[in-house]
Amino acid sequence: MNDTRFLDDGDVIPKGTNIGICIYKLQRNPKIYPEPNEYKPERFSKEESEKRNFYDFFAFSGGARGCPGTQIAYTQLKIVIATVLQNFRIESKGTAADLDTYWGPVLKPKNAFIRLHCR
């Protein structure tokens, strides 16, 4: 393992240094996602996704050491969403602007803004 030098500013990271990446900030880079805190699902359309680098959306890591459970997670997510939509009517109790979050192992809402009603 060697020291790593960055070409743009010449900074050096000494070998053996532990580095953490803040995925929350990485996923909200305004150069990649203009108005990063606005809800815009069209960002993830096929056409928009093809305009970005594969690693710009980094939910499950990538490359040779990417998460092996990615496909299982996506499949389970679709099943859960379909089951909820089949069995419940969803009522919103606020707007996205009202949402407040807190940090944990994952980003979580401090307060829930939806109510589920059995069908």
PDB file of N, CA and C in Angstrom:
ATOM      1  N   MET A   1       0.854  -1.169   0.000  1.00  0.00           N
ATOM      2  CA  MET A   1       0.000   0.000   0.000  1.00  0.00           C
ATOM      3  C   MET A   1       0.902   1.235   0.000  1.00  0.00           C
ATOM      4  N   ASN A   2       0.540   2.230  -0.805  1.00  0.00           N
ATOM      5  CA  ASN A   2       1.324   3.454  -0.914  1.00  0.00           C
ATOM      6  C   ASN A   2       0.501   4.661  -0.501  1.00  0.00           C
ATOM      7  N   ASP A   3       1.182   5.807  -0.272  1.00  0.00           N
ATOM      8  CA  ASP A   3       0.483   7.062  -0.072  1.00  0.00           C
ATOM      9  C   ASP A   3      -0.316   7.372  -1.336  1.00  0.00           C
ATOM     10  N   THR A   4      -1.422   8.081  -1.193  1.00  0.00           N
ATOM     11  CA  THR A   4      -2.229   8.484  -2.350  1.00  0.00           C
ATOM     12  C   THR A   4      -2.169   9.992  -2.491  1.00  0.00           C
ATOM     13  N   ARG A   5      -1.811  10.464  -3.677  1.00  0.00           N
ATOM     14  CA  ARG A   5      -1.743  11.904  -3.960  1.00  0.00           C
ATOM     15  C   ARG A   5      -2.869  12.240  -4.933  1.00  0.00           C
ATOM     16  N   PHE A   6      -3.632  13.303  -4.605  1.00  0.00           N
ATOM     17  CA  PHE A   6      -4.714  13.740  -5.468  1.00  0.00           C
ATOM     18  C   PHE A   6      -4.165  14.730  -6.489  1.00  0.00           C
ATOM     19  N   LEU A   7      -4.498  14.531  -7.749  1.00  0.00           N
ATOM     20  CA  LEU A   7      -3.936  15.344  -8.817  1.00  0.00           C
ATOM     21  C   LEU A   7      -4.403  16.793  -8.785  1.00  0.00           C
ATOM     22  N   ASP A   8      -5.655  17.037  -8.374  1.00  0.00           N
ATOM     23  CA  ASP A   8      -6.190  18.388  -8.473  1.00  0.00           C
ATOM     24  C   ASP A   8      -5.567  19.370  -7.486  1.00  0.00           C
ATOM     25  N   ASP A   9      -5.242  18.930  -6.279  1.00  0.00           N
ATOM     26  CA  ASP A   9      -4.683  19.884  -5.306  1.00  0.00           C
ATOM     27  C   ASP A   9      -3.402  19.395  -4.643  1.00  0.00           C
ATOM     28  N   GLY A  10      -2.960  18.201  -4.960  1.00  0.00           N
ATOM     29  CA  GLY A  10      -1.710  17.704  -4.433  1.00  0.00           C
ATOM     30  C   GLY A  10      -1.757  17.183  -3.005  1.00  0.00           C
ATOM     31  N   ASP A  11      -2.958  17.163  -2.392  1.00  0.00           N
ATOM     32  CA  ASP A  11      -3.068  16.626  -1.039  1.00  0.00           C
ATOM     33  C   ASP A  11      -2.660  15.153  -1.025  1.00  0.00           C
ATOM     34  N   VAL A  12      -2.108  14.736   0.098  1.00  0.00           N
ATOM     35  CA  VAL A  12      -1.650  13.356   0.242  1.00  0.00           C
ATOM     36  C   VAL A  12      -2.395  12.692   1.398  1.00  0.00           C
ATOM     37  N   ILE A  13      -2.878  11.478   1.154  1.00  0.00           N
ATOM     38  CA  ILE A  13      -3.441  10.658   2.226  1.00  0.00           C
ATOM     39  C   ILE A  13      -2.407   9.577   2.517  1.00  0.00           C
ATOM     40  N   PRO A  14      -1.816   9.593   3.717  1.00  0.00           N
ATOM     41  CA  PRO A  14      -0.775   8.597   4.034  1.00  0.00           C
ATOM     42  C   PRO A  14      -1.335   7.181   4.034  1.00  0.00           C
ATOM     43  N   LYS A  15      -0.494   6.239   3.644  1.00  0.00           N
ATOM     44  CA  LYS A  15      -0.929   4.843   3.643  1.00  0.00           C
ATOM     45  C   LYS A  15      -1.348   4.439   5.056  1.00  0.00           C
ATOM     46  N   GLY A  16      -2.344   3.562   5.141  1.00  0.00           N
ATOM     47  CA  GLY A  16      -2.848   3.091   6.422  1.00  0.00           C
ATOM     48  C   GLY A  16      -3.917   3.983   7.041  1.00  0.00           C
ATOM     49  N   THR A  17      -4.239   5.109   6.392  1.00  0.00           N
ATOM     50  CA  THR A  17      -5.247   6.022   6.919  1.00  0.00           C
ATOM     51  C   THR A  17      -6.643   5.445   6.690  1.00  0.00           C
ATOM     52  N   ASN A  18      -7.480   5.448   7.716  1.00  0.00           N
ATOM     53  CA  ASN A  18      -8.876   5.039   7.558  1.00  0.00           C
ATOM     54  C   ASN A  18      -9.673   6.228   7.033  1.00  0.00           C
ATOM     55  N   ILE A  19     -10.511   5.979   6.047  1.00  0.00           N
ATOM     56  CA  ILE A  19     -11.309   7.036   5.431  1.00  0.00           C
ATOM     57  C   ILE A  19     -12.768   6.645   5.496  1.00  0.00           C
ATOM     58  N   GLY A  20     -13.615   7.599   5.884  1.00  0.00           N
ATOM     59  CA  GLY A  20     -15.056   7.390   5.868  1.00  0.00           C
ATOM     60  C   GLY A  20     -15.682   8.304   4.830  1.00  0.00           C
ATOM     61  N   ILE A  21     -16.681   7.810   4.149  1.00  0.00           N
ATOM     62  CA  ILE A  21     -17.368   8.601   3.128  1.00  0.00           C
ATOM     63  C   ILE A  21     -18.789   8.858   3.607  1.00  0.00           C
ATOM     64  N   CYS A  22     -19.197  10.111   3.598  1.00  0.00           N
ATOM     65  CA  CYS A  22     -20.550  10.478   4.006  1.00  0.00           C
ATOM     66  C   CYS A  22     -21.480  10.332   2.802  1.00  0.00           C
ATOM     67  N   ILE A  23     -22.155   9.187   2.721  1.00  0.00           N
ATOM     68  CA  ILE A  23     -23.034   8.902   1.591  1.00  0.00           C
ATOM     69  C   ILE A  23     -24.157   9.936   1.507  1.00  0.00           C
ATOM     70  N   TYR A  24     -24.648  10.404   2.655  1.00  0.00           N
ATOM     71  CA  TYR A  24     -25.715  11.413   2.679  1.00  0.00           C
ATOM     72  C   TYR A  24     -25.310  12.634   1.863  1.00  0.00           C
ATOM     73  N   LYS A  25     -24.102  13.146   2.083  1.00  0.00           N
ATOM     74  CA  LYS A  25     -23.637  14.330   1.353  1.00  0.00           C
ATOM     75  C   LYS A  25     -23.300  13.987  -0.103  1.00  0.00           C
ATOM     76  N   LEU A  26     -22.729  12.821  -0.314  1.00  0.00           N
ATOM     77  CA  LEU A  26     -22.371  12.399  -1.661  1.00  0.00           C
ATOM     78  C   LEU A  26     -23.609  12.324  -2.555  1.00  0.00           C
ATOM     79  N   GLN A  27     -24.708  11.813  -2.015  1.00  0.00           N
ATOM     80  CA  GLN A  27     -25.951  11.666  -2.776  1.00  0.00           C
ATOM     81  C   GLN A  27     -26.668  13.009  -2.964  1.00  0.00           C
ATOM     82  N   ARG A  28     -26.210  14.067  -2.334  1.00  0.00           N
ATOM     83  CA  ARG A  28     -26.848  15.383  -2.436  1.00  0.00           C
ATOM     84  C   ARG A  28     -25.914  16.419  -3.062  1.00  0.00           C
ATOM     85  N   ASN A  29     -25.020  15.966  -3.924  1.00  0.00           N
ATOM     86  CA  ASN A  29     -24.092  16.852  -4.601  1.00  0.00           C
ATOM     87  C   ASN A  29     -24.864  17.666  -5.645  1.00  0.00           C
ATOM     88  N   PRO A  30     -24.955  19.012  -5.483  1.00  0.00           N
ATOM     89  CA  PRO A  30     -25.737  19.816  -6.427  1.00  0.00           C
ATOM     90  C   PRO A  30     -25.163  19.837  -7.846  1.00  0.00           C
ATOM     91  N   LYS A  31     -23.901  19.449  -8.020  1.00  0.00           N
ATOM     92  CA  LYS A  31     -23.352  19.358  -9.373  1.00  0.00           C
ATOM     93  C   LYS A  31     -23.958  18.173 -10.126  1.00  0.00           C
ATOM     94  N   ILE A  32     -24.363  17.143  -9.381  1.00  0.00           N
ATOM     95  CA  ILE A  32     -24.952  15.946  -9.986  1.00  0.00           C
ATOM     96  C   ILE A  32     -26.474  16.005  -9.916  1.00  0.00           C
ATOM     97  N   TYR A  33     -26.994  16.434  -8.765  1.00  0.00           N
ATOM     98  CA  TYR A  33     -28.439  16.529  -8.538  1.00  0.00           C
ATOM     99  C   TYR A  33     -28.805  17.974  -8.206  1.00  0.00           C
ATOM    100  N   PRO A  34     -29.123  18.804  -9.219  1.00  0.00           N
ATOM    101  CA  PRO A  34     -29.544  20.177  -8.909  1.00  0.00           C
ATOM    102  C   PRO A  34     -30.731  20.159  -7.947  1.00  0.00           C
ATOM    103  N   GLU A  35     -30.763  21.093  -7.029  1.00  0.00           N
ATOM    104  CA  GLU A  35     -31.783  21.136  -5.974  1.00  0.00           C
ATOM    105  C   GLU A  35     -31.867  19.769  -5.277  1.00  0.00           C
ATOM    106  N   PRO A  36     -30.774  19.348  -4.660  1.00  0.00           N
ATOM    107  CA  PRO A  36     -30.680  17.981  -4.128  1.00  0.00           C
ATOM    108  C   PRO A  36     -31.689  17.630  -3.042  1.00  0.00           C
ATOM    109  N   ASN A  37     -32.226  18.593  -2.327  1.00  0.00           N
ATOM    110  CA  ASN A  37     -33.179  18.283  -1.262  1.00  0.00           C
ATOM    111  C   ASN A  37     -34.628  18.339  -1.726  1.00  0.00           C
ATOM    112  N   GLU A  38     -34.855  18.602  -3.014  1.00  0.00           N
ATOM    113  CA  GLU A  38     -36.203  18.594  -3.567  1.00  0.00           C
ATOM    114  C   GLU A  38     -36.561  17.180  -4.016  1.00  0.00           C
ATOM    115  N   TYR A  39     -37.811  16.804  -3.817  1.00  0.00           N
ATOM    116  CA  TYR A  39     -38.285  15.487  -4.250  1.00  0.00           C
ATOM    117  C   TYR A  39     -38.567  15.537  -5.746  1.00  0.00           C
ATOM    118  N   LYS A  40     -37.745  14.865  -6.525  1.00  0.00           N
ATOM    119  CA  LYS A  40     -37.886  14.838  -7.978  1.00  0.00           C
ATOM    120  C   LYS A  40     -37.637  13.411  -8.471  1.00  0.00           C
ATOM    121  N   PRO A  41     -38.669  12.575  -8.453  1.00  0.00           N
ATOM    122  CA  PRO A  41     -38.465  11.175  -8.856  1.00  0.00           C
ATOM    123  C   PRO A  41     -38.007  11.014 -10.299  1.00  0.00           C
ATOM    124  N   GLU A  42     -38.262  12.020 -11.144  1.00  0.00           N
ATOM    125  CA  GLU A  42     -37.828  11.927 -12.539  1.00  0.00           C
ATOM    126  C   GLU A  42     -36.299  11.867 -12.661  1.00  0.00           C
ATOM    127  N   ARG A  43     -35.577  12.222 -11.603  1.00  0.00           N
ATOM    128  CA  ARG A  43     -34.108  12.115 -11.618  1.00  0.00           C
ATOM    129  C   ARG A  43     -33.663  10.687 -11.901  1.00  0.00           C
ATOM    130  N   PHE A  44     -34.499   9.732 -11.539  1.00  0.00           N
ATOM    131  CA  PHE A  44     -34.108   8.329 -11.637  1.00  0.00           C
ATOM    132  C   PHE A  44     -34.749   7.624 -12.826  1.00  0.00           C
ATOM    133  N   SER A  45     -35.304   8.410 -13.766  1.00  0.00           N
ATOM    134  CA  SER A  45     -35.823   7.810 -14.996  1.00  0.00           C
ATOM    135  C   SER A  45     -34.643   7.237 -15.775  1.00  0.00           C
ATOM    136  N   LYS A  46     -34.947   6.350 -16.687  1.00  0.00           N
ATOM    137  CA  LYS A  46     -33.886   5.727 -17.479  1.00  0.00           C
ATOM    138  C   LYS A  46     -33.069   6.785 -18.224  1.00  0.00           C
ATOM    139  N   GLU A  47     -33.765   7.757 -18.817  1.00  0.00           N
ATOM    140  CA  GLU A  47     -33.082   8.790 -19.595  1.00  0.00           C
ATOM    141  C   GLU A  47     -32.141   9.618 -18.719  1.00  0.00           C
ATOM    142  N   GLU A  48     -32.617  10.047 -17.542  1.00  0.00           N
ATOM    143  CA  GLU A  48     -31.780  10.858 -16.648  1.00  0.00           C
ATOM    144  C   GLU A  48     -30.636  10.036 -16.066  1.00  0.00           C
ATOM    145  N   SER A  49     -30.907   8.780 -15.720  1.00  0.00           N
ATOM    146  CA  SER A  49     -29.867   7.918 -15.151  1.00  0.00           C
ATOM    147  C   SER A  49     -28.726   7.678 -16.141  1.00  0.00           C
ATOM    148  N   GLU A  50     -29.065   7.591 -17.426  1.00  0.00           N
ATOM    149  CA  GLU A  50     -28.036   7.347 -18.438  1.00  0.00           C
ATOM    150  C   GLU A  50     -27.102   8.542 -18.608  1.00  0.00           C
ATOM    151  N   LYS A  51     -27.534   9.728 -18.171  1.00  0.00           N
ATOM    152  CA  LYS A  51     -26.703  10.936 -18.281  1.00  0.00           C
ATOM    153  C   LYS A  51     -25.632  10.991 -17.190  1.00  0.00           C
ATOM    154  N   ARG A  52     -25.803  10.206 -16.132  1.00  0.00           N
ATOM    155  CA  ARG A  52     -24.882  10.251 -14.994  1.00  0.00           C
ATOM    156  C   ARG A  52     -23.920   9.069 -15.005  1.00  0.00           C
ATOM    157  N   ASN A  53     -22.847   9.222 -14.264  1.00  0.00           N
ATOM    158  CA  ASN A  53     -21.904   8.140 -14.043  1.00  0.00           C
ATOM    159  C   ASN A  53     -22.595   7.064 -13.201  1.00  0.00           C
ATOM    160  N   PHE A  54     -22.277   5.813 -13.446  1.00  0.00           N
ATOM    161  CA  PHE A  54     -22.878   4.702 -12.704  1.00  0.00           C
ATOM    162  C   PHE A  54     -22.728   4.874 -11.196  1.00  0.00           C
ATOM    163  N   TYR A  55     -21.624   5.438 -10.744  1.00  0.00           N
ATOM    164  CA  TYR A  55     -21.345   5.551  -9.318  1.00  0.00           C
ATOM    165  C   TYR A  55     -21.905   6.821  -8.673  1.00  0.00           C
ATOM    166  N   ASP A  56     -22.660   7.615  -9.414  1.00  0.00           N
ATOM    167  CA  ASP A  56     -23.265   8.814  -8.826  1.00  0.00           C
ATOM    168  C   ASP A  56     -24.394   8.474  -7.855  1.00  0.00           C
ATOM    169  N   PHE A  57     -25.038   7.333  -8.036  1.00  0.00           N
ATOM    170  CA  PHE A  57     -26.032   6.856  -7.062  1.00  0.00           C
ATOM    171  C   PHE A  57     -25.398   5.652  -6.398  1.00  0.00           C
ATOM    172  N   PHE A  58     -25.109   5.774  -5.116  1.00  0.00           N
ATOM    173  CA  PHE A  58     -24.204   4.852  -4.442  1.00  0.00           C
ATOM    174  C   PHE A  58     -24.880   4.102  -3.301  1.00  0.00           C
ATOM    175  N   ALA A  59     -26.135   3.761  -3.454  1.00  0.00           N
ATOM    176  CA  ALA A  59     -26.882   3.161  -2.346  1.00  0.00           C
ATOM    177  C   ALA A  59     -26.285   1.846  -1.844  1.00  0.00           C
ATOM    178  N   PHE A  60     -25.752   1.026  -2.738  1.00  0.00           N
ATOM    179  CA  PHE A  60     -25.248  -0.286  -2.345  1.00  0.00           C
ATOM    180  C   PHE A  60     -23.778  -0.474  -2.688  1.00  0.00           C
ATOM    181  N   SER A  61     -23.045   0.618  -2.789  1.00  0.00           N
ATOM    182  CA  SER A  61     -21.642   0.578  -3.169  1.00  0.00           C
ATOM    183  C   SER A  61     -21.545   0.146  -4.625  1.00  0.00           C
ATOM    184  N   GLY A  62     -20.386  -0.245  -5.066  1.00  0.00           N
ATOM    185  CA  GLY A  62     -20.257  -0.625  -6.466  1.00  0.00           C
ATOM    186  C   GLY A  62     -18.939  -1.300  -6.721  1.00  0.00           C
ATOM    187  N   GLY A  63     -18.735  -1.681  -7.959  1.00  0.00           N
ATOM    188  CA  GLY A  63     -17.497  -2.343  -8.337  1.00  0.00           C
ATOM    189  C   GLY A  63     -17.422  -3.764  -7.820  1.00  0.00           C
ATOM    190  N   ALA A  64     -16.224  -4.289  -7.793  1.00  0.00           N
ATOM    191  CA  ALA A  64     -16.009  -5.683  -7.415  1.00  0.00           C
ATOM    192  C   ALA A  64     -16.435  -5.982  -5.982  1.00  0.00           C
ATOM    193  N   ARG A  65     -16.429  -4.967  -5.122  1.00  0.00           N
ATOM    194  CA  ARG A  65     -16.788  -5.187  -3.720  1.00  0.00           C
ATOM    195  C   ARG A  65     -18.149  -4.598  -3.376  1.00  0.00           C
ATOM    196  N   GLY A  66     -18.985  -4.425  -4.374  1.00  0.00           N
ATOM    197  CA  GLY A  66     -20.333  -3.916  -4.149  1.00  0.00           C
ATOM    198  C   GLY A  66     -21.152  -4.895  -3.321  1.00  0.00           C
ATOM    199  N   CYS A  67     -22.258  -4.433  -2.823  1.00  0.00           N
ATOM    200  CA  CYS A  67     -23.110  -5.248  -1.961  1.00  0.00           C
ATOM    201  C   CYS A  67     -23.700  -6.433  -2.728  1.00  0.00           C
ATOM    202  N   PRO A  68     -23.445  -7.656  -2.275  1.00  0.00           N
ATOM    203  CA  PRO A  68     -23.996  -8.815  -2.984  1.00  0.00           C
ATOM    204  C   PRO A  68     -25.516  -8.952  -2.801  1.00  0.00           C
ATOM    205  N   GLY A  69     -26.085  -8.236  -1.843  1.00  0.00           N
ATOM    206  CA  GLY A  69     -27.523  -8.339  -1.594  1.00  0.00           C
ATOM    207  C   GLY A  69     -28.352  -7.282  -2.295  1.00  0.00           C
ATOM    208  N   THR A  70     -27.746  -6.499  -3.187  1.00  0.00           N
ATOM    209  CA  THR A  70     -28.459  -5.406  -3.854  1.00  0.00           C
ATOM    210  C   THR A  70     -29.738  -5.887  -4.526  1.00  0.00           C
ATOM    211  N   GLN A  71     -29.645  -6.913  -5.357  1.00  0.00           N
ATOM    212  CA  GLN A  71     -30.809  -7.378  -6.115  1.00  0.00           C
ATOM    213  C   GLN A  71     -31.887  -7.926  -5.187  1.00  0.00           C
ATOM    214  N   ILE A  72     -31.488  -8.609  -4.131  1.00  0.00           N
ATOM    215  CA  ILE A  72     -32.464  -9.118  -3.154  1.00  0.00           C
ATOM    216  C   ILE A  72     -33.162  -7.954  -2.471  1.00  0.00           C
ATOM    217  N   ALA A  73     -32.407  -6.930  -2.095  1.00  0.00           N
ATOM    218  CA  ALA A  73     -32.995  -5.760  -1.430  1.00  0.00           C
ATOM    219  C   ALA A  73     -34.004  -5.064  -2.332  1.00  0.00           C
ATOM    220  N   TYR A  74     -33.659  -4.862  -3.599  1.00  0.00           N
ATOM    221  CA  TYR A  74     -34.592  -4.218  -4.529  1.00  0.00           C
ATOM    222  C   TYR A  74     -35.851  -5.059  -4.723  1.00  0.00           C
ATOM    223  N   THR A  75     -35.692  -6.369  -4.829  1.00  0.00           N
ATOM    224  CA  THR A  75     -36.851  -7.255  -4.994  1.00  0.00           C
ATOM    225  C   THR A  75     -37.743  -7.208  -3.763  1.00  0.00           C
ATOM    226  N   GLN A  76     -37.165  -7.274  -2.575  1.00  0.00           N
ATOM    227  CA  GLN A  76     -37.952  -7.206  -1.346  1.00  0.00           C
ATOM    228  C   GLN A  76     -38.661  -5.865  -1.216  1.00  0.00           C
ATOM    229  N   LEU A  77     -37.997  -4.800  -1.604  1.00  0.00           N
ATOM    230  CA  LEU A  77     -38.600  -3.471  -1.556  1.00  0.00           C
ATOM    231  C   LEU A  77     -39.851  -3.413  -2.436  1.00  0.00           C
ATOM    232  N   LYS A  78     -39.771  -3.959  -3.635  1.00  0.00           N
ATOM    233  CA  LYS A  78     -40.927  -3.974  -4.535  1.00  0.00           C
ATOM    234  C   LYS A  78     -42.071  -4.789  -3.940  1.00  0.00           C
ATOM    235  N   ILE A  79     -41.757  -5.915  -3.324  1.00  0.00           N
ATOM    236  CA  ILE A  79     -42.791  -6.758  -2.715  1.00  0.00           C
ATOM    237  C   ILE A  79     -43.464  -6.033  -1.555  1.00  0.00           C
ATOM    238  N   VAL A  80     -42.685  -5.387  -0.706  1.00  0.00           N
ATOM    239  CA  VAL A  80     -43.246  -4.660   0.442  1.00  0.00           C
ATOM    240  C   VAL A  80     -44.125  -3.508  -0.033  1.00  0.00           C
ATOM    241  N   ILE A  81     -43.653  -2.738  -0.990  1.00  0.00           N
ATOM    242  CA  ILE A  81     -44.452  -1.611  -1.496  1.00  0.00           C
ATOM    243  C   ILE A  81     -45.751  -2.110  -2.116  1.00  0.00           C
ATOM    244  N   ALA A  82     -45.680  -3.159  -2.926  1.00  0.00           N
ATOM    245  CA  ALA A  82     -46.894  -3.704  -3.546  1.00  0.00           C
ATOM    246  C   ALA A  82     -47.867  -4.208  -2.495  1.00  0.00           C
ATOM    247  N   THR A  83     -47.372  -4.877  -1.466  1.00  0.00           N
ATOM    248  CA  THR A  83     -48.232  -5.400  -0.403  1.00  0.00           C
ATOM    249  C   THR A  83     -48.903  -4.269   0.366  1.00  0.00           C
ATOM    250  N   VAL A  84     -48.153  -3.243   0.696  1.00  0.00           N
ATOM    251  CA  VAL A  84     -48.727  -2.090   1.411  1.00  0.00           C
ATOM    252  C   VAL A  84     -49.798  -1.424   0.560  1.00  0.00           C
ATOM    253  N   LEU A  85     -49.511  -1.198  -0.717  1.00  0.00           N
ATOM    254  CA  LEU A  85     -50.473  -0.532  -1.586  1.00  0.00           C
ATOM    255  C   LEU A  85     -51.732  -1.366  -1.821  1.00  0.00           C
ATOM    256  N   GLN A  86     -51.597  -2.694  -1.821  1.00  0.00           N
ATOM    257  CA  GLN A  86     -52.757  -3.567  -1.994  1.00  0.00           C
ATOM    258  C   GLN A  86     -53.645  -3.594  -0.755  1.00  0.00           C
ATOM    259  N   ASN A  87     -53.040  -3.452   0.425  1.00  0.00           N
ATOM    260  CA  ASN A  87     -53.782  -3.659   1.665  1.00  0.00           C
ATOM    261  C   ASN A  87     -54.139  -2.389   2.432  1.00  0.00           C
ATOM    262  N   PHE A  88     -53.569  -1.256   2.034  1.00  0.00           N
ATOM    263  CA  PHE A  88     -53.803  -0.029   2.788  1.00  0.00           C
ATOM    264  C   PHE A  88     -54.059   1.158   1.874  1.00  0.00           C
ATOM    265  N   ARG A  89     -54.828   2.086   2.372  1.00  0.00           N
ATOM    266  CA  ARG A  89     -54.979   3.397   1.748  1.00  0.00           C
ATOM    267  C   ARG A  89     -54.068   4.322   2.542  1.00  0.00           C
ATOM    268  N   ILE A  90     -53.249   5.098   1.869  1.00  0.00           N
ATOM    269  CA  ILE A  90     -52.267   5.941   2.536  1.00  0.00           C
ATOM    270  C   ILE A  90     -52.754   7.380   2.551  1.00  0.00           C
ATOM    271  N   GLU A  91     -52.739   7.970   3.733  1.00  0.00           N
ATOM    272  CA  GLU A  91     -53.163   9.357   3.902  1.00  0.00           C
ATOM    273  C   GLU A  91     -51.975  10.164   4.408  1.00  0.00           C
ATOM    274  N   SER A  92     -51.686  11.267   3.733  1.00  0.00           N
ATOM    275  CA  SER A  92     -50.570  12.133   4.127  1.00  0.00           C
ATOM    276  C   SER A  92     -51.019  13.108   5.207  1.00  0.00           C
ATOM    277  N   LYS A  93     -50.178  13.314   6.196  1.00  0.00           N
ATOM    278  CA  LYS A  93     -50.477  14.255   7.281  1.00  0.00           C
ATOM    279  C   LYS A  93     -49.528  15.449   7.277  1.00  0.00           C
ATOM    280  N   GLY A  94     -48.836  15.659   6.197  1.00  0.00           N
ATOM    281  CA  GLY A  94     -47.898  16.778   6.106  1.00  0.00           C
ATOM    282  C   GLY A  94     -47.294  16.828   4.730  1.00  0.00           C
ATOM    283  N   THR A  95     -46.301  17.657   4.569  1.00  0.00           N
ATOM    284  CA  THR A  95     -45.592  17.757   3.295  1.00  0.00           C
ATOM    285  C   THR A  95     -44.128  17.402   3.504  1.00  0.00           C
ATOM    286  N   ALA A  96     -43.423  17.203   2.412  1.00  0.00           N
ATOM    287  CA  ALA A  96     -41.997  16.884   2.504  1.00  0.00           C
ATOM    288  C   ALA A  96     -41.229  18.021   3.185  1.00  0.00           C
ATOM    289  N   ALA A  97     -41.702  19.249   3.014  1.00  0.00           N
ATOM    290  CA  ALA A  97     -41.035  20.397   3.643  1.00  0.00           C
ATOM    291  C   ALA A  97     -41.121  20.325   5.172  1.00  0.00           C
ATOM    292  N   ASP A  98     -42.148  19.635   5.703  1.00  0.00           N
ATOM    293  CA  ASP A  98     -42.316  19.507   7.151  1.00  0.00           C
ATOM    294  C   ASP A  98     -41.448  18.405   7.756  1.00  0.00           C
ATOM    295  N   LEU A  99     -40.882  17.556   6.927  1.00  0.00           N
ATOM    296  CA  LEU A  99     -40.145  16.397   7.401  1.00  0.00           C
ATOM    297  C   LEU A  99     -38.839  16.807   8.063  1.00  0.00           C
ATOM    298  N   ASP A 100     -38.589  16.272   9.237  1.00  0.00           N
ATOM    299  CA  ASP A 100     -37.338  16.503   9.952  1.00  0.00           C
ATOM    300  C   ASP A 100     -36.693  15.141  10.167  1.00  0.00           C
ATOM    301  N   THR A 101     -35.380  15.072  10.054  1.00  0.00           N
ATOM    302  CA  THR A 101     -34.695  13.783  10.135  1.00  0.00           C
ATOM    303  C   THR A 101     -33.636  13.779  11.227  1.00  0.00           C
ATOM    304  N   TYR A 102     -33.188  12.587  11.566  1.00  0.00           N
ATOM    305  CA  TYR A 102     -32.061  12.456  12.494  1.00  0.00           C
ATOM    306  C   TYR A 102     -31.138  11.356  12.003  1.00  0.00           C
ATOM    307  N   TRP A 103     -29.890  11.440  12.440  1.00  0.00           N
ATOM    308  CA  TRP A 103     -28.863  10.492  12.024  1.00  0.00           C
ATOM    309  C   TRP A 103     -28.850   9.286  12.944  1.00  0.00           C
ATOM    310  N   GLY A 104     -28.699   8.151  12.353  1.00  0.00           N
ATOM    311  CA  GLY A 104     -28.483   6.897  13.050  1.00  0.00           C
ATOM    312  C   GLY A 104     -27.646   6.060  12.092  1.00  0.00           C
ATOM    313  N   PRO A 105     -27.713   4.747  12.177  1.00  0.00           N
ATOM    314  CA  PRO A 105     -27.033   3.941  11.159  1.00  0.00           C
ATOM    315  C   PRO A 105     -27.559   4.265   9.753  1.00  0.00           C
ATOM    316  N   VAL A 106     -28.829   4.692   9.710  1.00  0.00           N
ATOM    317  CA  VAL A 106     -29.429   5.200   8.472  1.00  0.00           C
ATOM    318  C   VAL A 106     -30.169   6.484   8.821  1.00  0.00           C
ATOM    319  N   LEU A 107     -30.457   7.289   7.813  1.00  0.00           N
ATOM    320  CA  LEU A 107     -31.206   8.529   8.025  1.00  0.00           C
ATOM    321  C   LEU A 107     -32.663   8.173   8.284  1.00  0.00           C
ATOM    322  N   LYS A 108     -33.268   8.700   9.367  1.00  0.00           N
ATOM    323  CA  LYS A 108     -34.640   8.348   9.739  1.00  0.00           C
ATOM    324  C   LYS A 108     -35.455   9.616   9.979  1.00  0.00           C
ATOM    325  N   PRO A 109     -36.780   9.532   9.744  1.00  0.00           N
ATOM    326  CA  PRO A 109     -37.627  10.688  10.064  1.00  0.00           C
ATOM    327  C   PRO A 109     -37.847  10.798  11.564  1.00  0.00           C
ATOM    328  N   LYS A 110     -37.913  12.038  12.072  1.00  0.00           N
ATOM    329  CA  LYS A 110     -38.216  12.244  13.491  1.00  0.00           C
ATOM    330  C   LYS A 110     -39.704  12.095  13.751  1.00  0.00           C
ATOM    331  N   ASN A 111     -40.495  12.400  12.765  1.00  0.00           N
ATOM    332  CA  ASN A 111     -41.945  12.335  12.928  1.00  0.00           C
ATOM    333  C   ASN A 111     -42.555  11.741  11.667  1.00  0.00           C
ATOM    334  N   ALA A 112     -43.571  10.930  11.839  1.00  0.00           N
ATOM    335  CA  ALA A 112     -44.225  10.284  10.697  1.00  0.00           C
ATOM    336  C   ALA A 112     -45.343  11.177  10.183  1.00  0.00           C
ATOM    337  N   PHE A 113     -45.494  11.226   8.876  1.00  0.00           N
ATOM    338  CA  PHE A 113     -46.501  12.091   8.275  1.00  0.00           C
ATOM    339  C   PHE A 113     -47.553  11.303   7.489  1.00  0.00           C
ATOM    340  N   ILE A 114     -47.589   9.999   7.666  1.00  0.00           N
ATOM    341  CA  ILE A 114     -48.592   9.231   6.933  1.00  0.00           C
ATOM    342  C   ILE A 114     -49.434   8.408   7.912  1.00  0.00           C
ATOM    343  N   ARG A 115     -50.614   8.107   7.469  1.00  0.00           N
ATOM    344  CA  ARG A 115     -51.516   7.239   8.232  1.00  0.00           C
ATOM    345  C   ARG A 115     -51.983   6.156   7.272  1.00  0.00           C
ATOM    346  N   LEU A 116     -51.962   4.917   7.718  1.00  0.00           N
ATOM    347  CA  LEU A 116     -52.408   3.794   6.895  1.00  0.00           C
ATOM    348  C   LEU A 116     -53.808   3.373   7.328  1.00  0.00           C
ATOM    349  N   HIS A 117     -54.696   3.194   6.372  1.00  0.00           N
ATOM    350  CA  HIS A 117     -56.066   2.736   6.642  1.00  0.00           C
ATOM    351  C   HIS A 117     -56.261   1.407   5.935  1.00  0.00           C
ATOM    352  N   CYS A 118     -56.714   0.392   6.651  1.00  0.00           N
ATOM    353  CA  CYS A 118     -56.951  -0.913   6.041  1.00  0.00           C
ATOM    354  C   CYS A 118     -57.977  -0.798   4.917  1.00  0.00           C
ATOM    355  N   ARG A 119     -57.775  -1.546   3.859  1.00  0.00           N
ATOM    356  CA  ARG A 119     -58.742  -1.577   2.755  1.00  0.00           C
ATOM    357  C   ARG A 119     -59.817  -2.590   3.060  1.00  0.00           C
TER     358      ARG A 119
END
